[in-house]
Amino acid sequence: MITTLSVQEAQSDDPTEKILLAPTDPNAEVTQITGYKLVYIDGACPRTYRVYKANSMIGVIFQHLTHWSNAVDKIRYAKSVDAAVGLDDFIKVTRISTTATEQPPTEEELLDKEFDALTTEEWERLKRYVPETRDLVAA
């Protein structure tokens, strides 16, 4: 069930009711594991933790009664560090595969970008670009 908070509830003056405490907040429940910080968010079973690596949040992991899991795969891990490493590895692979499959924008796509947003290389490509005129109709 999804519930919405009123503006008054969202702007509560009670500082202990913070929804997402930063890992540096003295009220945050932080667990240090090799290479990662786990910050407890909420929940009883599973308990939900945000995972930080080098001060950047990389995702969430969950502590169940018998195992740990992360938000990206279906694997059950015995330890929190294994779930965090599995999450981190997934993110790395995703970045690599996304970078490897990205194609540079076409000249038509470059024409849709703002002039100030174009790089020097993109400007050079547009200088050499000759659009096909077969679809042009005189008005």
Protein backbone atom coordinates (compact mmCIF):
# COMPACT_ATOMS: atom_id res chain seq x y z
CA MET A 1 0.00 0.00 0.00
CA ILE A 2 1.32 3.43 -0.95
CA THR A 3 0.70 6.31 1.42
CA THR A 4 1.42 9.96 0.92
CA LEU A 5 2.64 12.37 3.53
CA SER A 6 1.15 15.78 4.00
CA VAL A 7 3.46 18.77 3.78
CA GLN A 8 3.23 19.17 7.56
CA GLU A 9 4.28 15.55 8.12
CA ALA A 10 7.13 15.84 5.61
CA GLN A 11 8.41 19.03 7.26
CA SER A 12 8.33 17.71 10.79
CA ASP A 13 10.36 19.69 13.33
CA ASP A 14 11.42 16.50 15.12
CA PRO A 15 15.04 15.86 13.99
CA THR A 16 14.85 12.20 15.09
CA GLU A 17 12.28 11.53 12.36
CA LYS A 18 14.73 11.95 9.49
CA ILE A 19 13.97 9.43 6.79
CA LEU A 20 17.42 9.08 5.20
CA LEU A 21 20.26 9.94 7.53
CA ALA A 22 23.64 10.63 5.97
CA PRO A 23 26.45 8.23 6.89
CA THR A 24 28.11 11.12 8.73
CA ASP A 25 25.01 11.93 10.82
CA PRO A 26 25.61 11.07 14.52
CA ASN A 27 22.12 9.53 14.69
CA ALA A 28 22.72 7.20 11.74
CA GLU A 29 23.24 3.50 12.43
CA VAL A 30 26.39 2.86 10.40
CA THR A 31 28.12 -0.50 9.96
CA GLN A 32 31.68 -0.45 8.59
CA ILE A 33 32.73 -3.42 6.47
CA THR A 34 35.85 -3.70 4.35
CA GLY A 35 35.57 -1.06 1.62
CA TYR A 36 31.94 -0.18 2.35
CA LYS A 37 29.66 1.62 4.81
CA LEU A 38 26.17 0.27 5.47
CA VAL A 39 23.62 2.80 6.71
CA TYR A 40 20.44 1.36 8.19
CA ILE A 41 17.27 2.79 6.64
CA ASP A 42 14.35 0.88 8.07
CA GLY A 43 12.57 -2.44 8.33
CA ALA A 44 12.62 -5.38 10.66
CA CYS A 45 12.76 -8.32 8.28
CA PRO A 46 14.37 -7.59 5.98
CA ARG A 47 16.36 -4.72 7.40
CA THR A 48 17.28 -2.32 4.61
CA TYR A 49 20.71 -0.69 4.33
CA ARG A 50 22.12 1.86 1.90
CA VAL A 51 25.60 0.84 0.70
CA TYR A 52 28.30 3.51 0.36
CA LYS A 53 31.67 3.11 -1.31
CA ALA A 54 34.10 6.03 -1.16
CA ASN A 55 31.33 8.39 0.04
CA SER A 56 29.04 7.52 -2.90
CA MET A 57 25.89 5.47 -2.50
CA ILE A 58 25.93 2.48 -4.86
CA GLY A 59 22.61 0.84 -3.91
CA VAL A 60 20.78 -1.04 -1.17
CA ILE A 61 21.12 -4.44 0.48
CA PHE A 62 18.74 -6.36 2.73
CA GLN A 63 19.35 -8.38 5.89
CA HIS A 64 16.90 -11.30 6.12
CA LEU A 65 16.75 -13.76 9.02
CA THR A 66 18.90 -16.36 7.25
CA HIS A 67 20.77 -14.44 4.55
CA TRP A 68 21.62 -11.13 2.89
CA SER A 69 20.53 -9.99 -0.56
CA ASN A 70 20.92 -6.93 -2.75
CA ALA A 71 18.58 -5.08 -5.05
CA VAL A 72 20.09 -6.28 -8.34
CA ASP A 73 20.40 -10.05 -8.35
CA LYS A 74 18.56 -13.08 -6.99
CA ILE A 75 21.54 -14.45 -5.03
CA ARG A 76 21.39 -15.17 -1.30
CA TYR A 77 24.59 -14.18 0.47
CA ALA A 78 25.85 -15.44 3.82
CA LYS A 79 27.52 -12.13 4.80
CA SER A 80 26.77 -8.45 4.33
CA VAL A 81 30.12 -7.83 2.67
CA ASP A 82 29.32 -10.46 0.02
CA ALA A 83 25.99 -8.78 -0.78
CA ALA A 84 27.74 -5.38 -0.99
CA VAL A 85 30.50 -6.74 -3.25
CA GLY A 86 27.88 -8.44 -5.45
CA LEU A 87 26.06 -5.13 -5.78
CA ASP A 88 29.29 -3.26 -6.54
CA ASP A 89 30.33 -5.84 -9.16
CA PHE A 90 26.93 -5.61 -10.84
CA ILE A 91 27.21 -1.83 -11.02
CA LYS A 92 30.71 -2.06 -12.53
CA VAL A 93 29.59 -4.56 -15.19
CA THR A 94 26.58 -2.42 -16.02
CA ARG A 95 28.78 0.65 -16.51
CA ILE A 96 31.19 -1.26 -18.75
CA SER A 97 28.47 -2.82 -20.91
CA THR A 98 26.62 0.50 -21.22
CA THR A 99 29.82 2.30 -22.21
CA ALA A 100 30.74 -0.42 -24.72
CA THR A 101 27.32 -0.37 -26.40
CA GLU A 102 26.82 3.40 -26.51
CA GLN A 103 26.99 4.84 -29.99
CA PRO A 104 27.92 8.46 -30.67
CA PRO A 105 24.90 10.60 -31.53
CA THR A 106 23.97 10.91 -35.18
CA GLU A 107 24.25 14.24 -36.94
CA GLU A 108 20.45 14.53 -36.82
CA GLU A 109 20.57 14.08 -33.03
CA LEU A 110 23.36 16.67 -32.79
CA LEU A 111 21.16 19.17 -34.61
CA ASP A 112 18.62 18.79 -31.80
CA LYS A 113 21.18 19.69 -29.10
CA GLU A 114 21.69 23.24 -27.85
CA PHE A 115 24.63 24.95 -29.55
CA ASP A 116 26.40 25.61 -26.26
CA ALA A 117 26.22 21.90 -25.38
CA LEU A 118 28.12 20.72 -28.48
CA THR A 119 31.75 19.69 -28.17
CA THR A 120 34.42 20.74 -30.68
CA GLU A 121 34.37 17.26 -32.20
CA GLU A 122 30.57 17.44 -32.63
CA TRP A 123 30.90 20.87 -34.30
CA GLU A 124 33.43 19.41 -36.75
CA ARG A 125 31.07 16.53 -37.56
CA LEU A 126 28.22 18.97 -38.21
CA LYS A 127 30.41 21.11 -40.52
CA ARG A 128 30.99 18.06 -42.74
CA TYR A 129 27.36 16.89 -42.57
CA VAL A 130 25.22 17.16 -45.70
CA PRO A 131 21.58 16.29 -44.98
CA GLU A 132 19.63 14.18 -47.44
CA THR A 133 17.28 16.46 -49.35
CA ARG A 134 14.92 13.88 -50.82
CA ASP A 135 12.42 14.40 -47.98
CA LEU A 136 12.31 18.19 -48.32
CA VAL A 137 9.17 19.70 -49.81
CA ALA A 138 8.77 23.30 -50.95
CA ALA A 139 6.03 25.14 -49.15
